[in-house]
């Protein structure tokens, strides 16, 4: 069971007003709500963080990526106060925070499901809501909101131990956001869940973002990060090795070449110049910088060489390609 302090709950702090002023959304989008500067942390001879700097803006969803041991969890624990930095500083809404004291305005959803198995879903939400300072009508309203958003209203009075893994994962998120925090830290919130539960989780996050909540998402799900996150921060060996939108990361690493894959109806004896062939010579590949200008003559070369094109795919470099380029292919245990 995760302790209250570990999860980032405050003692008797009153949650701030969370409804953003729609007239000031553009201005709010430029406001830095969480700032980490030069974060350093070592455990004995192992350096977990080495000068990490990250900014999270109002209403933003940032993906925090990295191989195992890159420093993602240590960074989240430092922000929540579970780990004291050796050097560097952390600011929430422009105010420095340090040590293991409570972090007002934070919501934290850990990787491990951290709810009480003998309590019902509703009872768990009530407990965590009270720990966040909710009471009375506010508590009841927020519990109903969390149950509805997590799709657990019909199962709200069942003990958690009777719920499926996907339901427990959704409840884990609901307990971390029942107070609708303005800053939310997520550590692998969709690990091991079915597609329906994953979609429900992201619907909850979208509802929070619509209210102005800023989210830092640590994940190994590269496709999810590519599809959902506005910016990506990649850690490796305790350092930020790249940061930016997917387009910016591609420009910084692999460049704008497109991967072209041509599937043939029959194999060719030899691939045309400039193309590589898979075993069997049914699939040809190459990279093009200017698809509009270079693709037509490429296809003519294939046809002139006796190839009959059955299928064609043009792909931009993916986040996975960028990630492997930056962090390598070796396994991390």
C-alpha atoms as a PDB file:
ATOM      1  CA  UNK A   1       0.000   0.000   0.000  1.00  0.00           C
ATOM      2  CA  UNK A   2       1.377   3.372  -0.959  1.00  0.00           C
ATOM      3  CA  UNK A   3       1.513   5.919   1.824  1.00  0.00           C
ATOM      4  CA  UNK A   4      -0.264   9.251   1.708  1.00  0.00           C
ATOM      5  CA  UNK A   5       3.028  11.136   1.503  1.00  0.00           C
ATOM      6  CA  UNK A   6       4.289   8.893  -1.266  1.00  0.00           C
ATOM      7  CA  UNK A   7       1.294   9.615  -3.379  1.00  0.00           C
ATOM      8  CA  UNK A   8       1.591  13.370  -3.069  1.00  0.00           C
ATOM      9  CA  UNK A   9      -1.530  14.078  -1.020  1.00  0.00           C
ATOM     10  CA  UNK A  10      -1.464  17.170   1.140  1.00  0.00           C
ATOM     11  CA  UNK A  11      -2.561  17.265   4.750  1.00  0.00           C
ATOM     12  CA  UNK A  12      -5.336  19.839   5.150  1.00  0.00           C
ATOM     13  CA  UNK A  13      -4.625  22.035   2.139  1.00  0.00           C
ATOM     14  CA  UNK A  14      -7.692  23.294   0.347  1.00  0.00           C
ATOM     15  CA  UNK A  15      -7.655  22.549  -3.391  1.00  0.00           C
ATOM     16  CA  UNK A  16      -7.483  25.706  -5.501  1.00  0.00           C
ATOM     17  CA  UNK A  17     -10.161  26.832  -7.913  1.00  0.00           C
ATOM     18  CA  UNK A  18      -9.682  24.551 -10.899  1.00  0.00           C
ATOM     19  CA  UNK A  19     -12.001  26.027 -13.494  1.00  0.00           C
ATOM     20  CA  UNK A  20      -9.902  28.055 -15.945  1.00  0.00           C
ATOM     21  CA  UNK A  21     -11.111  31.416 -17.204  1.00  0.00           C
ATOM     22  CA  UNK A  22     -11.981  30.748 -20.854  1.00  0.00           C
ATOM     23  CA  UNK A  23     -11.107  34.361 -21.694  1.00  0.00           C
ATOM     24  CA  UNK A  24      -7.516  33.754 -20.687  1.00  0.00           C
ATOM     25  CA  UNK A  25      -6.848  30.291 -22.159  1.00  0.00           C
ATOM     26  CA  UNK A  26      -4.177  31.490 -24.588  1.00  0.00           C
ATOM     27  CA  UNK A  27      -2.409  33.389 -21.819  1.00  0.00           C
ATOM     28  CA  UNK A  28      -2.634  30.387 -19.476  1.00  0.00           C
ATOM     29  CA  UNK A  29      -1.134  28.091 -22.133  1.00  0.00           C
ATOM     30  CA  UNK A  30       2.177  29.954 -21.787  1.00  0.00           C
ATOM     31  CA  UNK A  31       2.227  29.786 -17.965  1.00  0.00           C
ATOM     32  CA  UNK A  32       4.805  27.368 -16.528  1.00  0.00           C
ATOM     33  CA  UNK A  33       3.107  25.512 -13.674  1.00  0.00           C
ATOM     34  CA  UNK A  34       5.916  23.051 -12.914  1.00  0.00           C
ATOM     35  CA  UNK A  35       9.601  23.789 -13.384  1.00  0.00           C
ATOM     36  CA  UNK A  36      12.505  21.430 -12.703  1.00  0.00           C
ATOM     37  CA  UNK A  37      15.967  22.940 -13.053  1.00  0.00           C
ATOM     38  CA  UNK A  38      19.302  21.089 -12.874  1.00  0.00           C
ATOM     39  CA  UNK A  39      17.928  18.132 -10.917  1.00  0.00           C
ATOM     40  CA  UNK A  40      20.704  15.827  -9.669  1.00  0.00           C
ATOM     41  CA  UNK A  41      20.357  12.679  -7.601  1.00  0.00           C
ATOM     42  CA  UNK A  42      22.751   9.815  -6.918  1.00  0.00           C
ATOM     43  CA  UNK A  43      22.189   6.573  -5.030  1.00  0.00           C
ATOM     44  CA  UNK A  44      25.661   5.515  -3.943  1.00  0.00           C
ATOM     45  CA  UNK A  45      27.738   5.177  -7.093  1.00  0.00           C
ATOM     46  CA  UNK A  46      24.681   5.224  -9.368  1.00  0.00           C
ATOM     47  CA  UNK A  47      23.662   8.592 -10.807  1.00  0.00           C
ATOM     48  CA  UNK A  48      19.889   8.583 -11.358  1.00  0.00           C
ATOM     49  CA  UNK A  49      19.526  12.247 -12.392  1.00  0.00           C
ATOM     50  CA  UNK A  50      22.285  14.398 -13.836  1.00  0.00           C
ATOM     51  CA  UNK A  51      21.166  17.988 -14.411  1.00  0.00           C
ATOM     52  CA  UNK A  52      17.615  17.297 -15.604  1.00  0.00           C
ATOM     53  CA  UNK A  53      15.521  20.351 -16.535  1.00  0.00           C
ATOM     54  CA  UNK A  54      11.850  20.143 -17.539  1.00  0.00           C
ATOM     55  CA  UNK A  55       9.056  22.730 -17.808  1.00  0.00           C
ATOM     56  CA  UNK A  56       5.345  21.871 -17.813  1.00  0.00           C
ATOM     57  CA  UNK A  57       2.922  24.526 -19.046  1.00  0.00           C
ATOM     58  CA  UNK A  58      -0.730  25.173 -18.253  1.00  0.00           C
ATOM     59  CA  UNK A  59      -3.012  22.563 -19.830  1.00  0.00           C
ATOM     60  CA  UNK A  60      -0.114  20.699 -21.466  1.00  0.00           C
ATOM     61  CA  UNK A  61       0.399  16.946 -21.743  1.00  0.00           C
ATOM     62  CA  UNK A  62       4.085  16.011 -21.799  1.00  0.00           C
ATOM     63  CA  UNK A  63       5.342  12.486 -22.396  1.00  0.00           C
ATOM     64  CA  UNK A  64       8.353  11.463 -20.279  1.00  0.00           C
ATOM     65  CA  UNK A  65      10.141   8.603 -22.028  1.00  0.00           C
ATOM     66  CA  UNK A  66      13.281   6.608 -21.406  1.00  0.00           C
ATOM     67  CA  UNK A  67      14.668   3.073 -21.097  1.00  0.00           C
ATOM     68  CA  UNK A  68      14.543   1.264 -17.777  1.00  0.00           C
ATOM     69  CA  UNK A  69      16.829   3.042 -15.340  1.00  0.00           C
ATOM     70  CA  UNK A  70      16.840   6.299 -17.298  1.00  0.00           C
ATOM     71  CA  UNK A  71      15.612   8.325 -14.302  1.00  0.00           C
ATOM     72  CA  UNK A  72      11.889   8.767 -14.995  1.00  0.00           C
ATOM     73  CA  UNK A  73      10.599   7.387 -11.697  1.00  0.00           C
ATOM     74  CA  UNK A  74      13.310   9.156  -9.693  1.00  0.00           C
ATOM     75  CA  UNK A  75      12.279  12.454 -11.286  1.00  0.00           C
ATOM     76  CA  UNK A  76       8.607  11.913 -10.421  1.00  0.00           C
ATOM     77  CA  UNK A  77       9.513  10.926  -6.858  1.00  0.00           C
ATOM     78  CA  UNK A  78      11.622  14.066  -6.515  1.00  0.00           C
ATOM     79  CA  UNK A  79       8.719  16.238  -7.677  1.00  0.00           C
ATOM     80  CA  UNK A  80       6.370  14.582  -5.182  1.00  0.00           C
ATOM     81  CA  UNK A  81       8.869  14.841  -2.324  1.00  0.00           C
ATOM     82  CA  UNK A  82       9.639  11.154  -1.942  1.00  0.00           C
ATOM     83  CA  UNK A  83      13.254  11.733  -3.026  1.00  0.00           C
ATOM     84  CA  UNK A  84      15.402  14.676  -1.910  1.00  0.00           C
ATOM     85  CA  UNK A  85      17.567  16.089  -4.703  1.00  0.00           C
ATOM     86  CA  UNK A  86      21.314  16.418  -4.228  1.00  0.00           C
ATOM     87  CA  UNK A  87      21.230  19.570  -6.357  1.00  0.00           C
ATOM     88  CA  UNK A  88      18.769  21.552  -8.447  1.00  0.00           C
ATOM     89  CA  UNK A  89      15.383  23.046  -7.707  1.00  0.00           C
ATOM     90  CA  UNK A  90      11.697  22.366  -8.271  1.00  0.00           C
ATOM     91  CA  UNK A  91       9.029  25.058  -8.486  1.00  0.00           C
ATOM     92  CA  UNK A  92       5.243  24.717  -8.504  1.00  0.00           C
ATOM     93  CA  UNK A  93       3.375  27.771  -9.758  1.00  0.00           C
ATOM     94  CA  UNK A  94       6.550  29.811  -9.321  1.00  0.00           C
ATOM     95  CA  UNK A  95       7.143  28.783  -5.692  1.00  0.00           C
ATOM     96  CA  UNK A  96      10.164  26.635  -4.716  1.00  0.00           C
ATOM     97  CA  UNK A  97       9.440  23.292  -3.100  1.00  0.00           C
ATOM     98  CA  UNK A  98      12.007  21.182  -1.310  1.00  0.00           C
ATOM     99  CA  UNK A  99      12.315  18.154   0.923  1.00  0.00           C
ATOM    100  CA  UNK A 100       9.522  15.741   1.703  1.00  0.00           C
ATOM    101  CA  UNK A 101       6.911  18.307   2.683  1.00  0.00           C
ATOM    102  CA  UNK A 102       3.432  18.246   1.135  1.00  0.00           C
ATOM    103  CA  UNK A 103       3.020  19.463  -2.450  1.00  0.00           C
ATOM    104  CA  UNK A 104      -0.134  21.492  -2.739  1.00  0.00           C
ATOM    105  CA  UNK A 105      -1.978  21.277  -6.064  1.00  0.00           C
ATOM    106  CA  UNK A 106      -0.397  17.945  -7.083  1.00  0.00           C
ATOM    107  CA  UNK A 107      -2.148  14.766  -8.104  1.00  0.00           C
ATOM    108  CA  UNK A 108      -0.087  11.586  -8.425  1.00  0.00           C
ATOM    109  CA  UNK A 109      -1.037   8.267 -10.014  1.00  0.00           C
ATOM    110  CA  UNK A 110       1.649   5.621  -9.369  1.00  0.00           C
ATOM    111  CA  UNK A 111       2.482   2.710 -11.628  1.00  0.00           C
ATOM    112  CA  UNK A 112       1.428   0.159  -9.022  1.00  0.00           C
ATOM    113  CA  UNK A 113      -2.273   0.113  -8.180  1.00  0.00           C
ATOM    114  CA  UNK A 114      -2.399   1.856  -4.794  1.00  0.00           C
ATOM    115  CA  UNK A 115      -5.946   1.490  -3.500  1.00  0.00           C
ATOM    116  CA  UNK A 116      -7.476  -0.356  -0.534  1.00  0.00           C
ATOM    117  CA  UNK A 117      -8.620  -3.802  -1.784  1.00  0.00           C
ATOM    118  CA  UNK A 118     -11.128  -4.434   1.032  1.00  0.00           C
ATOM    119  CA  UNK A 119     -12.899  -1.088   0.530  1.00  0.00           C
ATOM    120  CA  UNK A 120     -15.350  -0.437  -2.257  1.00  0.00           C
ATOM    121  CA  UNK A 121     -14.551   1.849  -5.172  1.00  0.00           C
ATOM    122  CA  UNK A 122     -16.750   4.549  -3.637  1.00  0.00           C
ATOM    123  CA  UNK A 123     -15.127   4.203  -0.220  1.00  0.00           C
ATOM    124  CA  UNK A 124     -11.664   4.497  -1.746  1.00  0.00           C
ATOM    125  CA  UNK A 125     -12.639   7.704  -3.514  1.00  0.00           C
ATOM    126  CA  UNK A 126     -14.137   9.104  -0.333  1.00  0.00           C
ATOM    127  CA  UNK A 127     -10.951   8.333   1.615  1.00  0.00           C
ATOM    128  CA  UNK A 128      -8.641   9.907  -0.947  1.00  0.00           C
ATOM    129  CA  UNK A 129     -10.986  12.847  -1.437  1.00  0.00           C
ATOM    130  CA  UNK A 130     -10.908  13.617   2.296  1.00  0.00           C
ATOM    131  CA  UNK A 131      -7.128  13.356   2.295  1.00  0.00           C
ATOM    132  CA  UNK A 132      -7.154  16.070  -0.357  1.00  0.00           C
ATOM    133  CA  UNK A 133      -9.337  18.353   1.750  1.00  0.00           C
ATOM    134  CA  UNK A 134     -12.732  17.608   0.194  1.00  0.00           C
ATOM    135  CA  UNK A 135     -15.760  17.353   2.441  1.00  0.00           C
ATOM    136  CA  UNK A 136     -19.547  17.502   2.422  1.00  0.00           C
ATOM    137  CA  UNK A 137     -21.260  18.322  -0.856  1.00  0.00           C
ATOM    138  CA  UNK A 138     -17.937  18.926  -2.632  1.00  0.00           C
ATOM    139  CA  UNK A 139     -16.730  15.449  -1.708  1.00  0.00           C
ATOM    140  CA  UNK A 140     -19.970  13.796  -2.816  1.00  0.00           C
ATOM    141  CA  UNK A 141     -19.955  15.686  -6.118  1.00  0.00           C
ATOM    142  CA  UNK A 142     -16.356  14.837  -6.882  1.00  0.00           C
ATOM    143  CA  UNK A 143     -16.809  11.160  -5.993  1.00  0.00           C
ATOM    144  CA  UNK A 144     -19.772  10.920  -8.378  1.00  0.00           C
ATOM    145  CA  UNK A 145     -17.753  12.697 -11.082  1.00  0.00           C
ATOM    146  CA  UNK A 146     -14.816  10.311 -10.639  1.00  0.00           C
ATOM    147  CA  UNK A 147     -17.051   7.233 -10.694  1.00  0.00           C
ATOM    148  CA  UNK A 148     -18.824   8.377 -13.845  1.00  0.00           C
ATOM    149  CA  UNK A 149     -15.607   9.350 -15.644  1.00  0.00           C
ATOM    150  CA  UNK A 150     -13.908   6.070 -14.763  1.00  0.00           C
ATOM    151  CA  UNK A 151     -16.936   4.000 -15.785  1.00  0.00           C
ATOM    152  CA  UNK A 152     -17.320   2.524 -12.300  1.00  0.00           C
ATOM    153  CA  UNK A 153     -20.699   3.887 -11.220  1.00  0.00           C
ATOM    154  CA  UNK A 154     -22.410   0.497 -11.564  1.00  0.00           C
ATOM    155  CA  UNK A 155     -19.637  -1.236  -9.598  1.00  0.00           C
ATOM    156  CA  UNK A 156     -19.089   1.487  -7.023  1.00  0.00           C
ATOM    157  CA  UNK A 157     -20.242  -0.586  -4.031  1.00  0.00           C
ATOM    158  CA  UNK A 158     -18.199  -3.693  -4.772  1.00  0.00           C
ATOM    159  CA  UNK A 159     -14.938  -4.378  -2.921  1.00  0.00           C
ATOM    160  CA  UNK A 160     -11.952  -3.527  -5.062  1.00  0.00           C
ATOM    161  CA  UNK A 161     -10.648  -7.083  -4.734  1.00  0.00           C
ATOM    162  CA  UNK A 162     -13.629  -8.217  -6.840  1.00  0.00           C
ATOM    163  CA  UNK A 163     -12.904  -5.804  -9.699  1.00  0.00           C
ATOM    164  CA  UNK A 164     -11.011  -6.660 -12.857  1.00  0.00           C
ATOM    165  CA  UNK A 165      -7.488  -5.421 -13.497  1.00  0.00           C
ATOM    166  CA  UNK A 166      -8.714  -2.743 -15.894  1.00  0.00           C
ATOM    167  CA  UNK A 167     -11.272  -1.506 -13.362  1.00  0.00           C
ATOM    168  CA  UNK A 168      -8.637  -1.307 -10.635  1.00  0.00           C
ATOM    169  CA  UNK A 169      -6.357   0.658 -12.938  1.00  0.00           C
ATOM    170  CA  UNK A 170      -9.178   3.114 -13.710  1.00  0.00           C
ATOM    171  CA  UNK A 171      -9.943   3.438  -9.995  1.00  0.00           C
ATOM    172  CA  UNK A 172      -6.248   4.056  -9.340  1.00  0.00           C
ATOM    173  CA  UNK A 173      -6.436   7.031 -11.689  1.00  0.00           C
ATOM    174  CA  UNK A 174      -9.755   8.206 -10.263  1.00  0.00           C
ATOM    175  CA  UNK A 175      -8.324   8.281  -6.723  1.00  0.00           C
ATOM    176  CA  UNK A 176      -5.437  10.414  -7.926  1.00  0.00           C
ATOM    177  CA  UNK A 177      -7.670  12.966  -9.663  1.00  0.00           C
ATOM    178  CA  UNK A 178     -10.818  12.984  -7.490  1.00  0.00           C
ATOM    179  CA  UNK A 179      -9.899  16.519  -6.368  1.00  0.00           C
ATOM    180  CA  UNK A 180      -9.223  17.589  -9.986  1.00  0.00           C
ATOM    181  CA  UNK A 181      -5.641  18.722  -9.385  1.00  0.00           C
ATOM    182  CA  UNK A 182      -4.111  21.474 -11.521  1.00  0.00           C
ATOM    183  CA  UNK A 183      -0.890  19.443 -11.918  1.00  0.00           C
ATOM    184  CA  UNK A 184      -0.987  15.678 -12.437  1.00  0.00           C
ATOM    185  CA  UNK A 185       1.911  13.200 -12.495  1.00  0.00           C
ATOM    186  CA  UNK A 186       1.273   9.811 -14.083  1.00  0.00           C
ATOM    187  CA  UNK A 187       3.597   6.803 -13.989  1.00  0.00           C
ATOM    188  CA  UNK A 188       2.543   4.164 -16.546  1.00  0.00           C
ATOM    189  CA  UNK A 189      -1.216   4.673 -15.986  1.00  0.00           C
ATOM    190  CA  UNK A 190      -2.250   2.280 -18.783  1.00  0.00           C
ATOM    191  CA  UNK A 191       0.177  -0.565 -18.110  1.00  0.00           C
ATOM    192  CA  UNK A 192      -1.497  -3.914 -18.698  1.00  0.00           C
ATOM    193  CA  UNK A 193      -5.022  -2.627 -19.372  1.00  0.00           C
ATOM    194  CA  UNK A 194      -7.420  -3.525 -22.168  1.00  0.00           C
ATOM    195  CA  UNK A 195      -8.088  -1.064 -25.027  1.00  0.00           C
ATOM    196  CA  UNK A 196     -11.471  -0.025 -23.607  1.00  0.00           C
ATOM    197  CA  UNK A 197     -10.005   0.842 -20.199  1.00  0.00           C
ATOM    198  CA  UNK A 198      -7.120   2.646 -21.882  1.00  0.00           C
ATOM    199  CA  UNK A 199      -9.533   4.791 -23.881  1.00  0.00           C
ATOM    200  CA  UNK A 200     -11.589   5.569 -20.773  1.00  0.00           C
ATOM    201  CA  UNK A 201      -8.418   6.648 -18.953  1.00  0.00           C
ATOM    202  CA  UNK A 202      -7.524   9.071 -21.722  1.00  0.00           C
ATOM    203  CA  UNK A 203     -11.079  10.407 -21.770  1.00  0.00           C
ATOM    204  CA  UNK A 204     -10.646  11.266 -18.083  1.00  0.00           C
ATOM    205  CA  UNK A 205      -7.353  12.979 -18.811  1.00  0.00           C
ATOM    206  CA  UNK A 206      -8.917  14.952 -21.674  1.00  0.00           C
ATOM    207  CA  UNK A 207     -11.679  16.167 -19.347  1.00  0.00           C
ATOM    208  CA  UNK A 208      -9.086  17.330 -16.822  1.00  0.00           C
ATOM    209  CA  UNK A 209      -7.034  19.070 -19.488  1.00  0.00           C
ATOM    210  CA  UNK A 210     -10.149  20.887 -20.686  1.00  0.00           C
ATOM    211  CA  UNK A 211     -10.304  22.392 -17.193  1.00  0.00           C
ATOM    212  CA  UNK A 212      -6.662  23.459 -17.349  1.00  0.00           C
ATOM    213  CA  UNK A 213      -4.908  20.528 -15.671  1.00  0.00           C
ATOM    214  CA  UNK A 214      -1.277  20.063 -16.724  1.00  0.00           C
ATOM    215  CA  UNK A 215      -0.050  16.471 -17.051  1.00  0.00           C
ATOM    216  CA  UNK A 216       3.379  14.848 -16.971  1.00  0.00           C
ATOM    217  CA  UNK A 217       3.064  11.279 -18.273  1.00  0.00           C
ATOM    218  CA  UNK A 218       5.884   8.757 -17.766  1.00  0.00           C
ATOM    219  CA  UNK A 219       5.306   5.835 -20.110  1.00  0.00           C
ATOM    220  CA  UNK A 220       6.877   3.091 -22.173  1.00  0.00           C
ATOM    221  CA  UNK A 221       3.930   3.172 -24.601  1.00  0.00           C
ATOM    222  CA  UNK A 222       5.582   5.033 -27.468  1.00  0.00           C
ATOM    223  CA  UNK A 223       2.544   4.895 -29.761  1.00  0.00           C
ATOM    224  CA  UNK A 224       0.367   6.430 -27.051  1.00  0.00           C
ATOM    225  CA  UNK A 225       2.906   9.165 -26.396  1.00  0.00           C
ATOM    226  CA  UNK A 226       3.160   9.900 -30.120  1.00  0.00           C
ATOM    227  CA  UNK A 227      -0.611  10.145 -30.495  1.00  0.00           C
ATOM    228  CA  UNK A 228      -1.496  11.926 -27.245  1.00  0.00           C
ATOM    229  CA  UNK A 229       1.375  14.152 -26.134  1.00  0.00           C
ATOM    230  CA  UNK A 230       2.103  17.669 -27.331  1.00  0.00           C
ATOM    231  CA  UNK A 231       5.747  17.446 -26.315  1.00  0.00           C
ATOM    232  CA  UNK A 232       8.119  14.592 -25.596  1.00  0.00           C
ATOM    233  CA  UNK A 233      11.024  14.570 -23.136  1.00  0.00           C
ATOM    234  CA  UNK A 234      13.433  11.634 -23.538  1.00  0.00           C
ATOM    235  CA  UNK A 235      15.707  10.703 -20.642  1.00  0.00           C
ATOM    236  CA  UNK A 236      18.703   8.414 -20.836  1.00  0.00           C
ATOM    237  CA  UNK A 237      21.341   7.764 -18.179  1.00  0.00           C
ATOM    238  CA  UNK A 238      19.778  10.480 -16.000  1.00  0.00           C
ATOM    239  CA  UNK A 239      19.962  13.222 -18.619  1.00  0.00           C
ATOM    240  CA  UNK A 240      17.542  14.844 -21.058  1.00  0.00           C
ATOM    241  CA  UNK A 241      18.791  13.705 -24.464  1.00  0.00           C
ATOM    242  CA  UNK A 242      15.960  15.293 -26.487  1.00  0.00           C
ATOM    243  CA  UNK A 243      12.894  17.443 -25.949  1.00  0.00           C
ATOM    244  CA  UNK A 244      10.219  18.845 -28.229  1.00  0.00           C
ATOM    245  CA  UNK A 245       7.297  17.900 -30.447  1.00  0.00           C
ATOM    246  CA  UNK A 246       7.584  14.780 -32.602  1.00  0.00           C
ATOM    247  CA  UNK A 247       8.351  16.938 -35.632  1.00  0.00           C
ATOM    248  CA  UNK A 248      11.103  18.740 -33.741  1.00  0.00           C
ATOM    249  CA  UNK A 249      12.580  15.473 -32.478  1.00  0.00           C
ATOM    250  CA  UNK A 250      12.609  14.042 -35.996  1.00  0.00           C
ATOM    251  CA  UNK A 251      14.347  17.160 -37.313  1.00  0.00           C
ATOM    252  CA  UNK A 252      16.940  16.979 -34.510  1.00  0.00           C
ATOM    253  CA  UNK A 253      17.756  13.310 -35.083  1.00  0.00           C
ATOM    254  CA  UNK A 254      16.733  11.410 -38.208  1.00  0.00           C
ATOM    255  CA  UNK A 255      15.828  14.286 -40.473  1.00  0.00           C
ATOM    256  CA  UNK A 256      12.812  14.537 -42.729  1.00  0.00           C
ATOM    257  CA  UNK A 257      13.459  11.577 -45.010  1.00  0.00           C
ATOM    258  CA  UNK A 258      10.457   9.336 -45.647  1.00  0.00           C
ATOM    259  CA  UNK A 259      10.677   5.544 -45.614  1.00  0.00           C
ATOM    260  CA  UNK A 260       9.180   4.108 -48.814  1.00  0.00           C
ATOM    261  CA  UNK A 261       8.174   0.424 -48.868  1.00  0.00           C
ATOM    262  CA  UNK A 262       7.161  -1.167 -52.174  1.00  0.00           C
ATOM    263  CA  UNK A 263       5.508  -4.589 -52.257  1.00  0.00           C
ATOM    264  CA  UNK A 264       5.757  -6.443 -55.559  1.00  0.00           C
ATOM    265  CA  UNK A 265       3.370  -8.954 -57.086  1.00  0.00           C
ATOM    266  CA  UNK A 266       6.283 -11.204 -58.102  1.00  0.00           C
ATOM    267  CA  UNK A 267       9.876 -11.259 -56.899  1.00  0.00           C
ATOM    268  CA  UNK A 268      12.638  -9.599 -58.876  1.00  0.00           C
ATOM    269  CA  UNK A 269      15.943 -11.253 -59.570  1.00  0.00           C
ATOM    270  CA  UNK A 270      17.793  -8.066 -58.586  1.00  0.00           C
ATOM    271  CA  UNK A 271      16.460  -4.906 -56.920  1.00  0.00           C
ATOM    272  CA  UNK A 272      16.775  -1.686 -58.957  1.00  0.00           C
ATOM    273  CA  UNK A 273      19.643   0.642 -58.041  1.00  0.00           C
ATOM    274  CA  UNK A 274      18.986   2.664 -54.892  1.00  0.00           C
ATOM    275  CA  UNK A 275      16.574   0.156 -53.318  1.00  0.00           C
ATOM    276  CA  UNK A 276      17.209  -2.595 -50.797  1.00  0.00           C
ATOM    277  CA  UNK A 277      15.310  -5.872 -50.958  1.00  0.00           C
ATOM    278  CA  UNK A 278      14.076  -8.216 -48.254  1.00  0.00           C
ATOM    279  CA  UNK A 279      14.805 -11.949 -48.583  1.00  0.00           C
ATOM    280  CA  UNK A 280      12.646 -13.208 -51.414  1.00  0.00           C
ATOM    281  CA  UNK A 281      12.846  -9.848 -53.247  1.00  0.00           C
ATOM    282  CA  UNK A 282       9.123  -9.172 -52.853  1.00  0.00           C
ATOM    283  CA  UNK A 283       9.599  -6.053 -50.698  1.00  0.00           C
ATOM    284  CA  UNK A 284      11.782  -3.094 -51.663  1.00  0.00           C
ATOM    285  CA  UNK A 285      12.745  -0.185 -49.417  1.00  0.00           C
ATOM    286  CA  UNK A 286      14.434   3.171 -49.698  1.00  0.00           C
ATOM    287  CA  UNK A 287      14.375   6.651 -48.169  1.00  0.00           C
ATOM    288  CA  UNK A 288      13.303   9.819 -49.980  1.00  0.00           C
ATOM    289  CA  UNK A 289      13.757  13.422 -48.981  1.00  0.00           C
ATOM    290  CA  UNK A 290      11.206  14.856 -51.455  1.00  0.00           C
ATOM    291  CA  UNK A 291       8.457  12.295 -52.023  1.00  0.00           C
ATOM    292  CA  UNK A 292       6.579  14.347 -54.627  1.00  0.00           C
ATOM    293  CA  UNK A 293       9.635  14.801 -56.828  1.00  0.00           C
ATOM    294  CA  UNK A 294      11.437  11.497 -56.220  1.00  0.00           C
ATOM    295  CA  UNK A 295       8.659   8.892 -56.023  1.00  0.00           C
ATOM    296  CA  UNK A 296       7.470   8.894 -59.696  1.00  0.00           C
ATOM    297  CA  UNK A 297      10.929   8.236 -61.169  1.00  0.00           C
ATOM    298  CA  UNK A 298      11.523   5.599 -58.472  1.00  0.00           C
ATOM    299  CA  UNK A 299       8.386   3.705 -59.506  1.00  0.00           C
ATOM    300  CA  UNK A 300       9.394   3.957 -63.178  1.00  0.00           C
ATOM    301  CA  UNK A 301      12.756   2.348 -62.350  1.00  0.00           C
ATOM    302  CA  UNK A 302      10.971  -0.513 -60.616  1.00  0.00           C
ATOM    303  CA  UNK A 303       8.645  -1.061 -63.579  1.00  0.00           C
ATOM    304  CA  UNK A 304      11.486  -0.817 -66.094  1.00  0.00           C
ATOM    305  CA  UNK A 305      13.323  -3.461 -64.097  1.00  0.00           C
ATOM    306  CA  UNK A 306      10.409  -5.855 -64.537  1.00  0.00           C
ATOM    307  CA  UNK A 307       8.678  -5.224 -61.204  1.00  0.00           C
ATOM    308  CA  UNK A 308       4.896  -4.984 -60.852  1.00  0.00           C
ATOM    309  CA  UNK A 309       3.899  -2.849 -57.850  1.00  0.00           C
ATOM    310  CA  UNK A 310       1.180  -4.390 -55.701  1.00  0.00           C
ATOM    311  CA  UNK A 311       1.291  -2.018 -52.717  1.00  0.00           C
ATOM    312  CA  UNK A 312       3.083   1.160 -51.659  1.00  0.00           C
ATOM    313  CA  UNK A 313       3.631   2.698 -48.221  1.00  0.00           C
ATOM    314  CA  UNK A 314       5.243   6.038 -47.360  1.00  0.00           C
ATOM    315  CA  UNK A 315       6.002   6.646 -43.688  1.00  0.00           C
ATOM    316  CA  UNK A 316       7.493   9.503 -41.752  1.00  0.00           C
ATOM    317  CA  UNK A 317       9.971   8.572 -39.001  1.00  0.00           C
ATOM    318  CA  UNK A 318       8.081   7.417 -35.902  1.00  0.00           C
ATOM    319  CA  UNK A 319       8.700   8.214 -32.254  1.00  0.00           C
ATOM    320  CA  UNK A 320       9.998   4.665 -31.870  1.00  0.00           C
ATOM    321  CA  UNK A 321      12.597   5.331 -34.588  1.00  0.00           C
ATOM    322  CA  UNK A 322      13.691   8.506 -32.799  1.00  0.00           C
ATOM    323  CA  UNK A 323      13.755   6.727 -29.423  1.00  0.00           C
ATOM    324  CA  UNK A 324      15.919   3.853 -30.684  1.00  0.00           C
ATOM    325  CA  UNK A 325      18.205   6.304 -32.472  1.00  0.00           C
ATOM    326  CA  UNK A 326      18.787   8.235 -29.232  1.00  0.00           C
ATOM    327  CA  UNK A 327      18.915   5.423 -26.673  1.00  0.00           C
ATOM    328  CA  UNK A 328      20.200   2.446 -28.655  1.00  0.00           C
ATOM    329  CA  UNK A 329      18.926  -1.105 -29.022  1.00  0.00           C
ATOM    330  CA  UNK A 330      20.567  -2.791 -26.068  1.00  0.00           C
ATOM    331  CA  UNK A 331      18.283  -4.224 -23.426  1.00  0.00           C
ATOM    332  CA  UNK A 332      18.000  -2.383 -20.109  1.00  0.00           C
ATOM    333  CA  UNK A 333      17.205  -4.470 -17.037  1.00  0.00           C
END
